[in-house]
Amino acid sequence: MTNFWWNISIKVATLGACCLAVNSACLYTFNTLFYIKTKLWTCHTDLFRSSKPEEVIYYIIR
């Protein structure tokens, strides 16, 4: 019987470790994507602030 519970606890621990690894990988990816998106948005707002309207329209179409 002890062997049975030992197996279950090992499986739960392994599952927990996998979930933790996947979670941190997802968090890292999300943070990277969010950082890139923020950078792009900053570029866009800078463009909108500093350019003439026709340049902005050209940039959007292109």
N, C-alpha and C. Protein backbone atom coordinates (compact mmCIF):
# COMPACT_ATOMS: atom_id res chain seq x y z
N MET A 1 0.83 -1.21 0.00
CA MET A 1 0.00 0.00 0.00
C MET A 1 0.87 1.27 0.00
N THR A 2 1.97 1.21 0.76
CA THR A 2 2.85 2.39 0.81
C THR A 2 3.43 2.66 -0.57
N ASN A 3 3.74 1.59 -1.29
CA ASN A 3 4.30 1.72 -2.62
C ASN A 3 3.32 2.45 -3.54
N PHE A 4 2.04 2.15 -3.41
CA PHE A 4 0.98 2.79 -4.19
C PHE A 4 0.98 4.30 -3.96
N TRP A 5 0.99 4.72 -2.69
CA TRP A 5 0.98 6.15 -2.37
C TRP A 5 2.27 6.83 -2.81
N TRP A 6 3.38 6.09 -2.71
CA TRP A 6 4.67 6.62 -3.16
C TRP A 6 4.62 6.91 -4.65
N ASN A 7 4.06 5.98 -5.43
CA ASN A 7 3.93 6.18 -6.88
C ASN A 7 3.07 7.40 -7.19
N ILE A 8 1.96 7.52 -6.47
CA ILE A 8 1.06 8.66 -6.71
C ILE A 8 1.77 9.97 -6.39
N SER A 9 2.48 10.01 -5.26
CA SER A 9 3.16 11.27 -4.89
C SER A 9 4.25 11.62 -5.89
N ILE A 10 4.95 10.62 -6.42
CA ILE A 10 5.97 10.87 -7.45
C ILE A 10 5.31 11.45 -8.70
N LYS A 11 4.17 10.86 -9.11
CA LYS A 11 3.46 11.34 -10.30
C LYS A 11 2.96 12.77 -10.09
N VAL A 12 2.42 13.05 -8.91
CA VAL A 12 1.93 14.40 -8.62
C VAL A 12 3.09 15.40 -8.65
N ALA A 13 4.22 15.01 -8.06
CA ALA A 13 5.39 15.90 -8.05
C ALA A 13 5.89 16.16 -9.47
N THR A 14 5.92 15.11 -10.29
CA THR A 14 6.37 15.26 -11.68
C THR A 14 5.43 16.18 -12.44
N LEU A 15 4.13 15.95 -12.25
CA LEU A 15 3.13 16.78 -12.92
C LEU A 15 3.28 18.24 -12.49
N GLY A 16 3.48 18.46 -11.19
CA GLY A 16 3.67 19.81 -10.67
C GLY A 16 4.89 20.48 -11.29
N ALA A 17 5.98 19.72 -11.40
CA ALA A 17 7.21 20.27 -11.98
C ALA A 17 7.00 20.63 -13.45
N CYS A 18 6.29 19.76 -14.17
CA CYS A 18 6.00 20.04 -15.59
C CYS A 18 5.14 21.29 -15.73
N CYS A 19 4.11 21.39 -14.91
CA CYS A 19 3.23 22.56 -14.96
C CYS A 19 4.01 23.83 -14.68
N LEU A 20 4.90 23.76 -13.69
CA LEU A 20 5.71 24.92 -13.33
C LEU A 20 6.60 25.33 -14.50
N ALA A 21 7.21 24.34 -15.15
CA ALA A 21 8.10 24.63 -16.28
C ALA A 21 7.31 25.25 -17.43
N VAL A 22 6.16 24.67 -17.74
CA VAL A 22 5.32 25.20 -18.83
C VAL A 22 4.85 26.60 -18.50
N ASN A 23 4.45 26.80 -17.24
CA ASN A 23 3.98 28.11 -16.79
C ASN A 23 5.05 29.17 -16.96
N SER A 24 6.26 28.88 -16.51
CA SER A 24 7.32 29.89 -16.61
C SER A 24 7.69 30.14 -18.07
N ALA A 25 7.65 29.10 -18.90
CA ALA A 25 7.93 29.28 -20.33
C ALA A 25 6.87 30.17 -20.96
N CYS A 26 5.61 29.92 -20.63
CA CYS A 26 4.51 30.72 -21.18
C CYS A 26 4.62 32.16 -20.71
N LEU A 27 4.95 32.34 -19.43
CA LEU A 27 5.08 33.68 -18.88
C LEU A 27 6.19 34.44 -19.58
N TYR A 28 7.31 33.75 -19.81
CA TYR A 28 8.46 34.37 -20.49
C TYR A 28 8.06 34.79 -21.91
N THR A 29 7.38 33.89 -22.62
CA THR A 29 6.94 34.18 -23.99
C THR A 29 5.98 35.36 -24.00
N PHE A 30 5.01 35.34 -23.07
CA PHE A 30 4.03 36.42 -22.99
C PHE A 30 4.72 37.75 -22.72
N ASN A 31 5.67 37.75 -21.77
CA ASN A 31 6.38 38.98 -21.45
C ASN A 31 7.16 39.49 -22.65
N THR A 32 7.80 38.58 -23.39
CA THR A 32 8.56 38.97 -24.57
C THR A 32 7.64 39.58 -25.62
N LEU A 33 6.51 38.91 -25.88
CA LEU A 33 5.55 39.42 -26.87
C LEU A 33 5.00 40.77 -26.44
N PHE A 34 4.69 40.90 -25.14
CA PHE A 34 4.16 42.16 -24.63
C PHE A 34 5.19 43.27 -24.80
N TYR A 35 6.46 42.94 -24.55
CA TYR A 35 7.55 43.92 -24.70
C TYR A 35 7.66 44.38 -26.15
N ILE A 36 7.61 43.40 -27.08
CA ILE A 36 7.70 43.73 -28.51
C ILE A 36 6.51 44.60 -28.92
N LYS A 37 5.31 44.21 -28.45
CA LYS A 37 4.10 44.97 -28.78
C LYS A 37 4.20 46.40 -28.27
N THR A 38 4.70 46.55 -27.03
CA THR A 38 4.86 47.88 -26.45
C THR A 38 5.84 48.70 -27.27
N LYS A 39 6.94 48.07 -27.68
CA LYS A 39 7.94 48.76 -28.49
C LYS A 39 7.32 49.22 -29.81
N LEU A 40 6.57 48.32 -30.46
CA LEU A 40 5.94 48.65 -31.73
C LEU A 40 4.95 49.80 -31.56
N TRP A 41 4.16 49.72 -30.48
CA TRP A 41 3.17 50.75 -30.23
C TRP A 41 3.84 52.09 -30.00
N THR A 42 4.98 52.07 -29.28
CA THR A 42 5.73 53.30 -29.04
C THR A 42 6.21 53.88 -30.36
N CYS A 43 6.72 53.01 -31.23
CA CYS A 43 7.16 53.47 -32.56
C CYS A 43 6.01 54.12 -33.31
N HIS A 44 4.85 53.47 -33.26
CA HIS A 44 3.67 53.99 -33.97
C HIS A 44 3.26 55.34 -33.42
N THR A 45 3.20 55.46 -32.08
CA THR A 45 2.76 56.73 -31.50
C THR A 45 3.78 57.82 -31.79
N ASP A 46 5.07 57.47 -31.78
CA ASP A 46 6.10 58.45 -32.15
C ASP A 46 5.89 58.90 -33.58
N LEU A 47 5.58 57.95 -34.45
CA LEU A 47 5.35 58.26 -35.86
C LEU A 47 4.15 59.21 -35.99
N PHE A 48 3.08 58.90 -35.26
CA PHE A 48 1.87 59.72 -35.35
C PHE A 48 2.13 61.12 -34.81
N ARG A 49 2.96 61.22 -33.79
CA ARG A 49 3.22 62.51 -33.18
C ARG A 49 4.12 63.38 -34.06
N SER A 50 5.09 62.74 -34.71
CA SER A 50 6.14 63.53 -35.34
C SER A 50 5.95 63.74 -36.84
N SER A 51 5.02 63.02 -37.45
CA SER A 51 4.93 63.06 -38.91
C SER A 51 3.77 63.90 -39.40
N LYS A 52 3.86 64.22 -40.67
CA LYS A 52 2.74 64.86 -41.34
C LYS A 52 1.69 63.79 -41.64
N PRO A 53 0.43 64.13 -41.70
CA PRO A 53 -0.63 63.12 -41.92
C PRO A 53 -0.42 62.26 -43.15
N GLU A 54 0.05 62.86 -44.25
CA GLU A 54 0.23 62.05 -45.46
C GLU A 54 1.33 61.00 -45.29
N GLU A 55 2.35 61.32 -44.50
CA GLU A 55 3.40 60.33 -44.23
C GLU A 55 2.85 59.17 -43.41
N VAL A 56 1.98 59.48 -42.45
CA VAL A 56 1.37 58.44 -41.62
C VAL A 56 0.52 57.52 -42.48
N ILE A 57 -0.29 58.09 -43.35
CA ILE A 57 -1.16 57.29 -44.22
C ILE A 57 -0.31 56.41 -45.13
N TYR A 58 0.76 56.99 -45.67
CA TYR A 58 1.67 56.21 -46.53
C TYR A 58 2.27 55.04 -45.75
N TYR A 59 2.67 55.31 -44.51
CA TYR A 59 3.28 54.27 -43.68
C TYR A 59 2.29 53.15 -43.37
N ILE A 60 1.03 53.52 -43.10
CA ILE A 60 0.00 52.51 -42.78
C ILE A 60 -0.29 51.66 -44.01
N ILE A 61 -0.43 52.29 -45.17
CA ILE A 61 -0.76 51.56 -46.40
C ILE A 61 0.39 50.63 -46.79
N ARG A 62 1.60 51.14 -46.65
CA ARG A 62 2.78 50.35 -47.02
C ARG A 62 2.91 49.22 -46.03
